[in-house]
Amino acid sequence: MKNHQQIADALNARMAQLSQRVERLEEDLRQPLDPDFAEQATGMESSEANEALEGASFAEMAQIRAALGRIDDGTYGVCVSCGETIAPARLEALPYAQQCIDCARGS
């Protein structure tokens, strides 16, 4: 498994990507509606999709900030629910995982 600095670097890089995505989505959302009603409907549908993507980006960014906090305070890789170690394979797949697989499943 990577060391904590490598993980933090990867999380910070992902945070930068998400920030750029949010900026693009917000720019798209600020665009005025087309005067054509049919185009407005298409634009509104696109806006709804962009808002959903923006919300998902904000949620992931919050999870990344929490993971960076756990790295800083030395609790990264420890399940916040049961206190057991989170499997390295889970952290490799989801570096901001805060629960072990059993707790995440609700077991």
PDB file of N, CA and C in Angstrom:
ATOM      1  N   MET A   1       0.836  -1.182   0.000  1.00  0.00           N
ATOM      2  CA  MET A   1       0.000   0.000   0.000  1.00  0.00           C
ATOM      3  C   MET A   1       0.881   1.246   0.000  1.00  0.00           C
ATOM      4  N   LYS A   2       0.388   2.302  -0.589  1.00  0.00           N
ATOM      5  CA  LYS A   2       1.122   3.552  -0.654  1.00  0.00           C
ATOM      6  C   LYS A   2       1.283   4.143   0.747  1.00  0.00           C
ATOM      7  N   ASN A   3       2.311   4.988   0.884  1.00  0.00           N
ATOM      8  CA  ASN A   3       2.435   5.672   2.167  1.00  0.00           C
ATOM      9  C   ASN A   3       1.439   6.822   2.226  1.00  0.00           C
ATOM     10  N   HIS A   4       1.258   7.364   3.389  1.00  0.00           N
ATOM     11  CA  HIS A   4       0.228   8.380   3.588  1.00  0.00           C
ATOM     12  C   HIS A   4       0.473   9.641   2.766  1.00  0.00           C
ATOM     13  N   GLN A   5       1.733  10.005   2.542  1.00  0.00           N
ATOM     14  CA  GLN A   5       2.002  11.201   1.742  1.00  0.00           C
ATOM     15  C   GLN A   5       1.576  10.980   0.292  1.00  0.00           C
ATOM     16  N   GLN A   6       1.835   9.803  -0.245  1.00  0.00           N
ATOM     17  CA  GLN A   6       1.404   9.489  -1.611  1.00  0.00           C
ATOM     18  C   GLN A   6      -0.119   9.507  -1.708  1.00  0.00           C
ATOM     19  N   ILE A   7      -0.771   8.982  -0.700  1.00  0.00           N
ATOM     20  CA  ILE A   7      -2.234   8.977  -0.680  1.00  0.00           C
ATOM     21  C   ILE A   7      -2.754  10.411  -0.615  1.00  0.00           C
ATOM     22  N   ALA A   8      -2.167  11.215   0.257  1.00  0.00           N
ATOM     23  CA  ALA A   8      -2.575  12.621   0.372  1.00  0.00           C
ATOM     24  C   ALA A   8      -2.359  13.356  -0.950  1.00  0.00           C
ATOM     25  N   ASP A   9      -1.243  13.093  -1.609  1.00  0.00           N
ATOM     26  CA  ASP A   9      -0.974  13.729  -2.906  1.00  0.00           C
ATOM     27  C   ASP A   9      -2.030  13.329  -3.935  1.00  0.00           C
ATOM     28  N   ALA A  10      -2.372  12.042  -3.963  1.00  0.00           N
ATOM     29  CA  ALA A  10      -3.393  11.565  -4.902  1.00  0.00           C
ATOM     30  C   ALA A  10      -4.758  12.172  -4.575  1.00  0.00           C
ATOM     31  N   LEU A  11      -5.081  12.262  -3.297  1.00  0.00           N
ATOM     32  CA  LEU A  11      -6.358  12.861  -2.895  1.00  0.00           C
ATOM     33  C   LEU A  11      -6.397  14.346  -3.243  1.00  0.00           C
ATOM     34  N   ASN A  12      -5.301  15.041  -3.040  1.00  0.00           N
ATOM     35  CA  ASN A  12      -5.245  16.458  -3.403  1.00  0.00           C
ATOM     36  C   ASN A  12      -5.363  16.650  -4.909  1.00  0.00           C
ATOM     37  N   ALA A  13      -4.773  15.754  -5.690  1.00  0.00           N
ATOM     38  CA  ALA A  13      -4.900  15.823  -7.150  1.00  0.00           C
ATOM     39  C   ALA A  13      -6.351  15.599  -7.564  1.00  0.00           C
ATOM     40  N   ARG A  14      -7.011  14.644  -6.938  1.00  0.00           N
ATOM     41  CA  ARG A  14      -8.427  14.392  -7.242  1.00  0.00           C
ATOM     42  C   ARG A  14      -9.276  15.591  -6.843  1.00  0.00           C
ATOM     43  N   MET A  15      -8.948  16.215  -5.724  1.00  0.00           N
ATOM     44  CA  MET A  15      -9.677  17.402  -5.277  1.00  0.00           C
ATOM     45  C   MET A  15      -9.544  18.512  -6.331  1.00  0.00           C
ATOM     46  N   ALA A  16      -8.357  18.677  -6.880  1.00  0.00           N
ATOM     47  CA  ALA A  16      -8.145  19.696  -7.917  1.00  0.00           C
ATOM     48  C   ALA A  16      -8.984  19.384  -9.155  1.00  0.00           C
ATOM     49  N   GLN A  17      -9.035  18.108  -9.544  1.00  0.00           N
ATOM     50  CA  GLN A  17      -9.863  17.715 -10.694  1.00  0.00           C
ATOM     51  C   GLN A  17     -11.328  18.031 -10.435  1.00  0.00           C
ATOM     52  N   LEU A  18     -11.792  17.697  -9.245  1.00  0.00           N
ATOM     53  CA  LEU A  18     -13.187  17.948  -8.912  1.00  0.00           C
ATOM     54  C   LEU A  18     -13.489  19.444  -8.871  1.00  0.00           C
ATOM     55  N   SER A  19     -12.566  20.232  -8.365  1.00  0.00           N
ATOM     56  CA  SER A  19     -12.752  21.687  -8.336  1.00  0.00           C
ATOM     57  C   SER A  19     -12.883  22.246  -9.738  1.00  0.00           C
ATOM     58  N   GLN A  20     -12.061  21.750 -10.643  1.00  0.00           N
ATOM     59  CA  GLN A  20     -12.153  22.190 -12.042  1.00  0.00           C
ATOM     60  C   GLN A  20     -13.486  21.774 -12.646  1.00  0.00           C
ATOM     61  N   ARG A  21     -13.933  20.560 -12.348  1.00  0.00           N
ATOM     62  CA  ARG A  21     -15.217  20.089 -12.857  1.00  0.00           C
ATOM     63  C   ARG A  21     -16.349  20.986 -12.357  1.00  0.00           C
ATOM     64  N   VAL A  22     -16.322  21.315 -11.067  1.00  0.00           N
ATOM     65  CA  VAL A  22     -17.358  22.169 -10.494  1.00  0.00           C
ATOM     66  C   VAL A  22     -17.346  23.538 -11.157  1.00  0.00           C
ATOM     67  N   GLU A  23     -16.174  24.088 -11.389  1.00  0.00           N
ATOM     68  CA  GLU A  23     -16.087  25.389 -12.059  1.00  0.00           C
ATOM     69  C   GLU A  23     -16.722  25.335 -13.450  1.00  0.00           C
ATOM     70  N   ARG A  24     -16.427  24.268 -14.209  1.00  0.00           N
ATOM     71  CA  ARG A  24     -17.012  24.125 -15.556  1.00  0.00           C
ATOM     72  C   ARG A  24     -18.526  23.968 -15.472  1.00  0.00           C
ATOM     73  N   LEU A  25     -18.987  23.165 -14.533  1.00  0.00           N
ATOM     74  CA  LEU A  25     -20.425  22.957 -14.388  1.00  0.00           C
ATOM     75  C   LEU A  25     -21.129  24.251 -13.990  1.00  0.00           C
ATOM     76  N   GLU A  26     -20.535  24.991 -13.078  1.00  0.00           N
ATOM     77  CA  GLU A  26     -21.146  26.255 -12.662  1.00  0.00           C
ATOM     78  C   GLU A  26     -21.166  27.259 -13.814  1.00  0.00           C
ATOM     79  N   GLU A  27     -20.131  27.239 -14.621  1.00  0.00           N
ATOM     80  CA  GLU A  27     -20.101  28.118 -15.796  1.00  0.00           C
ATOM     81  C   GLU A  27     -21.231  27.744 -16.757  1.00  0.00           C
ATOM     82  N   ASP A  28     -21.421  26.456 -16.967  1.00  0.00           N
ATOM     83  CA  ASP A  28     -22.508  25.997 -17.841  1.00  0.00           C
ATOM     84  C   ASP A  28     -23.872  26.394 -17.269  1.00  0.00           C
ATOM     85  N   LEU A  29     -24.008  26.302 -15.956  1.00  0.00           N
ATOM     86  CA  LEU A  29     -25.290  26.624 -15.318  1.00  0.00           C
ATOM     87  C   LEU A  29     -25.609  28.123 -15.392  1.00  0.00           C
ATOM     88  N   ARG A  30     -24.580  28.937 -15.520  1.00  0.00           N
ATOM     89  CA  ARG A  30     -24.795  30.390 -15.601  1.00  0.00           C
ATOM     90  C   ARG A  30     -25.176  30.855 -17.004  1.00  0.00           C
ATOM     91  N   GLN A  31     -25.100  29.982 -17.977  1.00  0.00           N
ATOM     92  CA  GLN A  31     -25.413  30.374 -19.348  1.00  0.00           C
ATOM     93  C   GLN A  31     -26.901  30.705 -19.468  1.00  0.00           C
ATOM     94  N   PRO A  32     -27.226  31.780 -20.209  1.00  0.00           N
ATOM     95  CA  PRO A  32     -28.640  32.133 -20.378  1.00  0.00           C
ATOM     96  C   PRO A  32     -29.372  31.090 -21.218  1.00  0.00           C
ATOM     97  N   LEU A  33     -30.670  31.015 -20.990  1.00  0.00           N
ATOM     98  CA  LEU A  33     -31.490  30.074 -21.756  1.00  0.00           C
ATOM     99  C   LEU A  33     -31.631  30.547 -23.193  1.00  0.00           C
ATOM    100  N   ASP A  34     -31.736  29.609 -24.088  1.00  0.00           N
ATOM    101  CA  ASP A  34     -31.951  29.880 -25.505  1.00  0.00           C
ATOM    102  C   ASP A  34     -33.365  30.431 -25.687  1.00  0.00           C
ATOM    103  N   PRO A  35     -33.564  31.373 -26.614  1.00  0.00           N
ATOM    104  CA  PRO A  35     -34.910  31.908 -26.836  1.00  0.00           C
ATOM    105  C   PRO A  35     -35.898  30.866 -27.386  1.00  0.00           C
ATOM    106  N   ASP A  36     -35.400  29.853 -28.044  1.00  0.00           N
ATOM    107  CA  ASP A  36     -36.244  28.802 -28.606  1.00  0.00           C
ATOM    108  C   ASP A  36     -36.727  27.888 -27.476  1.00  0.00           C
ATOM    109  N   PHE A  37     -38.048  27.710 -27.372  1.00  0.00           N
ATOM    110  CA  PHE A  37     -38.632  26.922 -26.279  1.00  0.00           C
ATOM    111  C   PHE A  37     -38.113  25.488 -26.261  1.00  0.00           C
ATOM    112  N   ALA A  38     -38.004  24.847 -27.423  1.00  0.00           N
ATOM    113  CA  ALA A  38     -37.520  23.468 -27.489  1.00  0.00           C
ATOM    114  C   ALA A  38     -36.079  23.396 -26.985  1.00  0.00           C
ATOM    115  N   GLU A  39     -35.291  24.377 -27.352  1.00  0.00           N
ATOM    116  CA  GLU A  39     -33.903  24.412 -26.893  1.00  0.00           C
ATOM    117  C   GLU A  39     -33.834  24.688 -25.397  1.00  0.00           C
ATOM    118  N   GLN A  40     -34.784  25.476 -24.885  1.00  0.00           N
ATOM    119  CA  GLN A  40     -34.838  25.743 -23.450  1.00  0.00           C
ATOM    120  C   GLN A  40     -35.081  24.441 -22.678  1.00  0.00           C
ATOM    121  N   ALA A  41     -35.986  23.622 -23.206  1.00  0.00           N
ATOM    122  CA  ALA A  41     -36.287  22.347 -22.541  1.00  0.00           C
ATOM    123  C   ALA A  41     -35.042  21.470 -22.493  1.00  0.00           C
ATOM    124  N   THR A  42     -34.321  21.422 -23.593  1.00  0.00           N
ATOM    125  CA  THR A  42     -33.088  20.641 -23.640  1.00  0.00           C
ATOM    126  C   THR A  42     -32.064  21.221 -22.678  1.00  0.00           C
ATOM    127  N   GLY A  43     -31.965  22.557 -22.664  1.00  0.00           N
ATOM    128  CA  GLY A  43     -31.031  23.220 -21.769  1.00  0.00           C
ATOM    129  C   GLY A  43     -31.362  22.987 -20.308  1.00  0.00           C
ATOM    130  N   MET A  44     -32.648  22.988 -19.978  1.00  0.00           N
ATOM    131  CA  MET A  44     -33.064  22.753 -18.589  1.00  0.00           C
ATOM    132  C   MET A  44     -32.734  21.312 -18.171  1.00  0.00           C
ATOM    133  N   GLU A  45     -32.926  20.375 -19.087  1.00  0.00           N
ATOM    134  CA  GLU A  45     -32.597  18.980 -18.798  1.00  0.00           C
ATOM    135  C   GLU A  45     -31.095  18.841 -18.552  1.00  0.00           C
ATOM    136  N   SER A  46     -30.324  19.515 -19.381  1.00  0.00           N
ATOM    137  CA  SER A  46     -28.869  19.499 -19.217  1.00  0.00           C
ATOM    138  C   SER A  46     -28.473  20.139 -17.891  1.00  0.00           C
ATOM    139  N   SER A  47     -29.160  21.212 -17.522  1.00  0.00           N
ATOM    140  CA  SER A  47     -28.869  21.884 -16.247  1.00  0.00           C
ATOM    141  C   SER A  47     -29.130  20.964 -15.066  1.00  0.00           C
ATOM    142  N   GLU A  48     -30.206  20.184 -15.137  1.00  0.00           N
ATOM    143  CA  GLU A  48     -30.511  19.246 -14.062  1.00  0.00           C
ATOM    144  C   GLU A  48     -29.413  18.200 -13.928  1.00  0.00           C
ATOM    145  N   ALA A  49     -28.933  17.716 -15.063  1.00  0.00           N
ATOM    146  CA  ALA A  49     -27.851  16.732 -15.041  1.00  0.00           C
ATOM    147  C   ALA A  49     -26.581  17.363 -14.468  1.00  0.00           C
ATOM    148  N   ASN A  50     -26.297  18.598 -14.869  1.00  0.00           N
ATOM    149  CA  ASN A  50     -25.113  19.292 -14.360  1.00  0.00           C
ATOM    150  C   ASN A  50     -25.208  19.527 -12.856  1.00  0.00           C
ATOM    151  N   GLU A  51     -26.395  19.858 -12.380  1.00  0.00           N
ATOM    152  CA  GLU A  51     -26.578  20.064 -10.946  1.00  0.00           C
ATOM    153  C   GLU A  51     -26.343  18.761 -10.171  1.00  0.00           C
ATOM    154  N   ALA A  52     -26.781  17.656 -10.744  1.00  0.00           N
ATOM    155  CA  ALA A  52     -26.552  16.359 -10.100  1.00  0.00           C
ATOM    156  C   ALA A  52     -25.062  16.036 -10.061  1.00  0.00           C
ATOM    157  N   LEU A  53     -24.365  16.297 -11.169  1.00  0.00           N
ATOM    158  CA  LEU A  53     -22.917  16.069 -11.206  1.00  0.00           C
ATOM    159  C   LEU A  53     -22.192  16.972 -10.219  1.00  0.00           C
ATOM    160  N   GLU A  54     -22.653  18.211 -10.119  1.00  0.00           N
ATOM    161  CA  GLU A  54     -22.049  19.155  -9.187  1.00  0.00           C
ATOM    162  C   GLU A  54     -22.244  18.667  -7.745  1.00  0.00           C
ATOM    163  N   GLY A  55     -23.439  18.205  -7.434  1.00  0.00           N
ATOM    164  CA  GLY A  55     -23.709  17.685  -6.096  1.00  0.00           C
ATOM    165  C   GLY A  55     -22.836  16.481  -5.763  1.00  0.00           C
ATOM    166  N   ALA A  56     -22.672  15.587  -6.723  1.00  0.00           N
ATOM    167  CA  ALA A  56     -21.827  14.415  -6.517  1.00  0.00           C
ATOM    168  C   ALA A  56     -20.365  14.837  -6.317  1.00  0.00           C
ATOM    169  N   SER A  57     -19.952  15.848  -7.067  1.00  0.00           N
ATOM    170  CA  SER A  57     -18.579  16.352  -6.924  1.00  0.00           C
ATOM    171  C   SER A  57     -18.361  16.943  -5.541  1.00  0.00           C
ATOM    172  N   PHE A  58     -19.325  17.746  -5.069  1.00  0.00           N
ATOM    173  CA  PHE A  58     -19.218  18.325  -3.730  1.00  0.00           C
ATOM    174  C   PHE A  58     -19.166  17.235  -2.661  1.00  0.00           C
ATOM    175  N   ALA A  59     -19.965  16.195  -2.825  1.00  0.00           N
ATOM    176  CA  ALA A  59     -19.973  15.093  -1.855  1.00  0.00           C
ATOM    177  C   ALA A  59     -18.623  14.382  -1.826  1.00  0.00           C
ATOM    178  N   GLU A  60     -18.060  14.127  -3.004  1.00  0.00           N
ATOM    179  CA  GLU A  60     -16.754  13.470  -3.056  1.00  0.00           C
ATOM    180  C   GLU A  60     -15.675  14.366  -2.454  1.00  0.00           C
ATOM    181  N   MET A  61     -15.768  15.667  -2.723  1.00  0.00           N
ATOM    182  CA  MET A  61     -14.791  16.600  -2.157  1.00  0.00           C
ATOM    183  C   MET A  61     -14.856  16.593  -0.628  1.00  0.00           C
ATOM    184  N   ALA A  62     -16.045  16.507  -0.080  1.00  0.00           N
ATOM    185  CA  ALA A  62     -16.190  16.447   1.380  1.00  0.00           C
ATOM    186  C   ALA A  62     -15.553  15.170   1.933  1.00  0.00           C
ATOM    187  N   GLN A  63     -15.735  14.058   1.239  1.00  0.00           N
ATOM    188  CA  GLN A  63     -15.136  12.800   1.671  1.00  0.00           C
ATOM    189  C   GLN A  63     -13.613  12.874   1.601  1.00  0.00           C
ATOM    190  N   ILE A  64     -13.108  13.530   0.565  1.00  0.00           N
ATOM    191  CA  ILE A  64     -11.653  13.678   0.427  1.00  0.00           C
ATOM    192  C   ILE A  64     -11.102  14.554   1.550  1.00  0.00           C
ATOM    193  N   ARG A  65     -11.778  15.672   1.845  1.00  0.00           N
ATOM    194  CA  ARG A  65     -11.325  16.537   2.940  1.00  0.00           C
ATOM    195  C   ARG A  65     -11.304  15.758   4.262  1.00  0.00           C
ATOM    196  N   ALA A  66     -12.310  14.935   4.485  1.00  0.00           N
ATOM    197  CA  ALA A  66     -12.351  14.127   5.708  1.00  0.00           C
ATOM    198  C   ALA A  66     -11.190  13.136   5.746  1.00  0.00           C
ATOM    199  N   ALA A  67     -10.897  12.505   4.612  1.00  0.00           N
ATOM    200  CA  ALA A  67      -9.781  11.555   4.548  1.00  0.00           C
ATOM    201  C   ALA A  67      -8.453  12.265   4.803  1.00  0.00           C
ATOM    202  N   LEU A  68      -8.284  13.456   4.243  1.00  0.00           N
ATOM    203  CA  LEU A  68      -7.059  14.216   4.483  1.00  0.00           C
ATOM    204  C   LEU A  68      -6.942  14.577   5.967  1.00  0.00           C
ATOM    205  N   GLY A  69      -8.065  14.870   6.593  1.00  0.00           N
ATOM    206  CA  GLY A  69      -8.059  15.128   8.033  1.00  0.00           C
ATOM    207  C   GLY A  69      -7.643  13.902   8.821  1.00  0.00           C
ATOM    208  N   ARG A  70      -8.115  12.731   8.392  1.00  0.00           N
ATOM    209  CA  ARG A  70      -7.733  11.491   9.083  1.00  0.00           C
ATOM    210  C   ARG A  70      -6.251  11.197   8.877  1.00  0.00           C
ATOM    211  N   ILE A  71      -5.715  11.529   7.700  1.00  0.00           N
ATOM    212  CA  ILE A  71      -4.270  11.362   7.480  1.00  0.00           C
ATOM    213  C   ILE A  71      -3.519  12.270   8.447  1.00  0.00           C
ATOM    214  N   ASP A  72      -3.967  13.524   8.545  1.00  0.00           N
ATOM    215  CA  ASP A  72      -3.301  14.491   9.427  1.00  0.00           C
ATOM    216  C   ASP A  72      -3.348  14.073  10.892  1.00  0.00           C
ATOM    217  N   ASP A  73      -4.478  13.514  11.321  1.00  0.00           N
ATOM    218  CA  ASP A  73      -4.576  13.179  12.744  1.00  0.00           C
ATOM    219  C   ASP A  73      -4.170  11.733  13.061  1.00  0.00           C
ATOM    220  N   GLY A  74      -3.706  11.014  12.042  1.00  0.00           N
ATOM    221  CA  GLY A  74      -3.173   9.669  12.272  1.00  0.00           C
ATOM    222  C   GLY A  74      -4.199   8.564  12.356  1.00  0.00           C
ATOM    223  N   THR A  75      -5.433   8.838  11.945  1.00  0.00           N
ATOM    224  CA  THR A  75      -6.467   7.801  12.023  1.00  0.00           C
ATOM    225  C   THR A  75      -6.843   7.251  10.646  1.00  0.00           C
ATOM    226  N   TYR A  76      -6.123   7.641   9.614  1.00  0.00           N
ATOM    227  CA  TYR A  76      -6.427   7.141   8.272  1.00  0.00           C
ATOM    228  C   TYR A  76      -6.263   5.625   8.245  1.00  0.00           C
ATOM    229  N   GLY A  77      -7.215   4.949   7.626  1.00  0.00           N
ATOM    230  CA  GLY A  77      -7.158   3.496   7.514  1.00  0.00           C
ATOM    231  C   GLY A  77      -7.805   2.773   8.676  1.00  0.00           C
ATOM    232  N   VAL A  78      -8.384   3.539   9.612  1.00  0.00           N
ATOM    233  CA  VAL A  78      -9.082   2.955  10.759  1.00  0.00           C
ATOM    234  C   VAL A  78     -10.570   3.245  10.578  1.00  0.00           C
ATOM    235  N   CYS A  79     -11.380   2.223  10.662  1.00  0.00           N
ATOM    236  CA  CYS A  79     -12.826   2.361  10.495  1.00  0.00           C
ATOM    237  C   CYS A  79     -13.384   3.299  11.566  1.00  0.00           C
ATOM    238  N   VAL A  80     -14.145   4.307  11.120  1.00  0.00           N
ATOM    239  CA  VAL A  80     -14.725   5.269  12.065  1.00  0.00           C
ATOM    240  C   VAL A  80     -15.867   4.652  12.871  1.00  0.00           C
ATOM    241  N   SER A  81     -16.391   3.523  12.415  1.00  0.00           N
ATOM    242  CA  SER A  81     -17.506   2.887  13.119  1.00  0.00           C
ATOM    243  C   SER A  81     -17.049   1.884  14.156  1.00  0.00           C
ATOM    244  N   CYS A  82     -16.157   0.978  13.769  1.00  0.00           N
ATOM    245  CA  CYS A  82     -15.783  -0.106  14.686  1.00  0.00           C
ATOM    246  C   CYS A  82     -14.340  -0.014  15.192  1.00  0.00           C
ATOM    247  N   GLY A  83     -13.530   0.842  14.584  1.00  0.00           N
ATOM    248  CA  GLY A  83     -12.150   0.996  15.024  1.00  0.00           C
ATOM    249  C   GLY A  83     -11.178  -0.021  14.473  1.00  0.00           C
ATOM    250  N   GLU A  84     -11.672  -0.945  13.650  1.00  0.00           N
ATOM    251  CA  GLU A  84     -10.796  -1.943  13.033  1.00  0.00           C
ATOM    252  C   GLU A  84     -10.073  -1.322  11.828  1.00  0.00           C
ATOM    253  N   THR A  85      -9.020  -1.981  11.401  1.00  0.00           N
ATOM    254  CA  THR A  85      -8.265  -1.524  10.241  1.00  0.00           C
ATOM    255  C   THR A  85      -9.076  -1.758   8.971  1.00  0.00           C
ATOM    256  N   ILE A  86      -9.079  -0.765   8.096  1.00  0.00           N
ATOM    257  CA  ILE A  86      -9.731  -0.900   6.792  1.00  0.00           C
ATOM    258  C   ILE A  86      -8.757  -1.639   5.880  1.00  0.00           C
ATOM    259  N   ALA A  87      -9.248  -2.639   5.176  1.00  0.00           N
ATOM    260  CA  ALA A  87      -8.399  -3.452   4.306  1.00  0.00           C
ATOM    261  C   ALA A  87      -7.680  -2.576   3.277  1.00  0.00           C
ATOM    262  N   PRO A  88      -6.384  -2.817   3.069  1.00  0.00           N
ATOM    263  CA  PRO A  88      -5.631  -2.037   2.097  1.00  0.00           C
ATOM    264  C   PRO A  88      -6.253  -2.058   0.694  1.00  0.00           C
ATOM    265  N   ALA A  89      -6.841  -3.192   0.304  1.00  0.00           N
ATOM    266  CA  ALA A  89      -7.473  -3.269  -1.019  1.00  0.00           C
ATOM    267  C   ALA A  89      -8.657  -2.303  -1.103  1.00  0.00           C
ATOM    268  N   ARG A  90      -9.393  -2.150  -0.009  1.00  0.00           N
ATOM    269  CA  ARG A  90     -10.522  -1.215  -0.001  1.00  0.00           C
ATOM    270  C   ARG A  90     -10.015   0.219  -0.122  1.00  0.00           C
ATOM    271  N   LEU A  91      -8.954   0.541   0.606  1.00  0.00           N
ATOM    272  CA  LEU A  91      -8.396   1.887   0.526  1.00  0.00           C
ATOM    273  C   LEU A  91      -7.767   2.160  -0.833  1.00  0.00           C
ATOM    274  N   GLU A  92      -7.245   1.134  -1.449  1.00  0.00           N
ATOM    275  CA  GLU A  92      -6.682   1.295  -2.799  1.00  0.00           C
ATOM    276  C   GLU A  92      -7.801   1.633  -3.783  1.00  0.00           C
ATOM    277  N   ALA A  93      -8.924   0.951  -3.628  1.00  0.00           N
ATOM    278  CA  ALA A  93     -10.059   1.180  -4.527  1.00  0.00           C
ATOM    279  C   ALA A  93     -10.797   2.472  -4.193  1.00  0.00           C
ATOM    280  N   LEU A  94     -10.889   2.801  -2.916  1.00  0.00           N
ATOM    281  CA  LEU A  94     -11.639   3.972  -2.451  1.00  0.00           C
ATOM    282  C   LEU A  94     -10.806   4.656  -1.359  1.00  0.00           C
ATOM    283  N   PRO A  95      -9.844   5.487  -1.779  1.00  0.00           N
ATOM    284  CA  PRO A  95      -8.887   6.043  -0.823  1.00  0.00           C
ATOM    285  C   PRO A  95      -9.506   6.883   0.290  1.00  0.00           C
ATOM    286  N   TYR A  96     -10.730   7.341   0.101  1.00  0.00           N
ATOM    287  CA  TYR A  96     -11.366   8.136   1.156  1.00  0.00           C
ATOM    288  C   TYR A  96     -12.384   7.320   1.948  1.00  0.00           C
ATOM    289  N   ALA A  97     -12.305   6.001   1.843  1.00  0.00           N
ATOM    290  CA  ALA A  97     -13.201   5.137   2.622  1.00  0.00           C
ATOM    291  C   ALA A  97     -12.994   5.413   4.105  1.00  0.00           C
ATOM    292  N   GLN A  98     -14.091   5.565   4.816  1.00  0.00           N
ATOM    293  CA  GLN A  98     -13.988   5.811   6.256  1.00  0.00           C
ATOM    294  C   GLN A  98     -14.462   4.626   7.081  1.00  0.00           C
ATOM    295  N   GLN A  99     -15.005   3.612   6.403  1.00  0.00           N
ATOM    296  CA  GLN A  99     -15.471   2.424   7.108  1.00  0.00           C
ATOM    297  C   GLN A  99     -14.872   1.175   6.466  1.00  0.00           C
ATOM    298  N   CYS A 100     -14.698   0.153   7.306  1.00  0.00           N
ATOM    299  CA  CYS A 100     -14.320  -1.152   6.770  1.00  0.00           C
ATOM    300  C   CYS A 100     -15.502  -1.680   5.963  1.00  0.00           C
ATOM    301  N   ILE A 101     -15.276  -2.693   5.184  1.00  0.00           N
ATOM    302  CA  ILE A 101     -16.329  -3.208   4.297  1.00  0.00           C
ATOM    303  C   ILE A 101     -17.521  -3.731   5.098  1.00  0.00           C
ATOM    304  N   ASP A 102     -17.275  -4.362   6.236  1.00  0.00           N
ATOM    305  CA  ASP A 102     -18.376  -4.894   7.046  1.00  0.00           C
ATOM    306  C   ASP A 102     -19.276  -3.778   7.553  1.00  0.00           C
ATOM    307  N   CYS A 103     -18.687  -2.705   8.070  1.00  0.00           N
ATOM    308  CA  CYS A 103     -19.492  -1.588   8.565  1.00  0.00           C
ATOM    309  C   CYS A 103     -20.188  -0.858   7.409  1.00  0.00           C
ATOM    310  N   ALA A 104     -19.511  -0.737   6.278  1.00  0.00           N
ATOM    311  CA  ALA A 104     -20.115  -0.077   5.118  1.00  0.00           C
ATOM    312  C   ALA A 104     -21.333  -0.852   4.626  1.00  0.00           C
ATOM    313  N   ARG A 105     -21.275  -2.167   4.740  1.00  0.00           N
ATOM    314  CA  ARG A 105     -22.406  -3.007   4.334  1.00  0.00           C
ATOM    315  C   ARG A 105     -23.513  -3.021   5.386  1.00  0.00           C
ATOM    316  N   GLY A 106     -23.192  -2.521   6.563  1.00  0.00           N
ATOM    317  CA  GLY A 106     -24.185  -2.520   7.636  1.00  0.00           C
ATOM    318  C   GLY A 106     -24.233  -3.819   8.405  1.00  0.00           C
ATOM    319  N   SER A 107     -23.180  -4.620   8.268  1.00  0.00           N
ATOM    320  CA  SER A 107     -23.136  -5.927   8.958  1.00  0.00           C
ATOM    321  C   SER A 107     -22.837  -5.767  10.419  1.00  0.00           C
TER     322      SER A 107
END
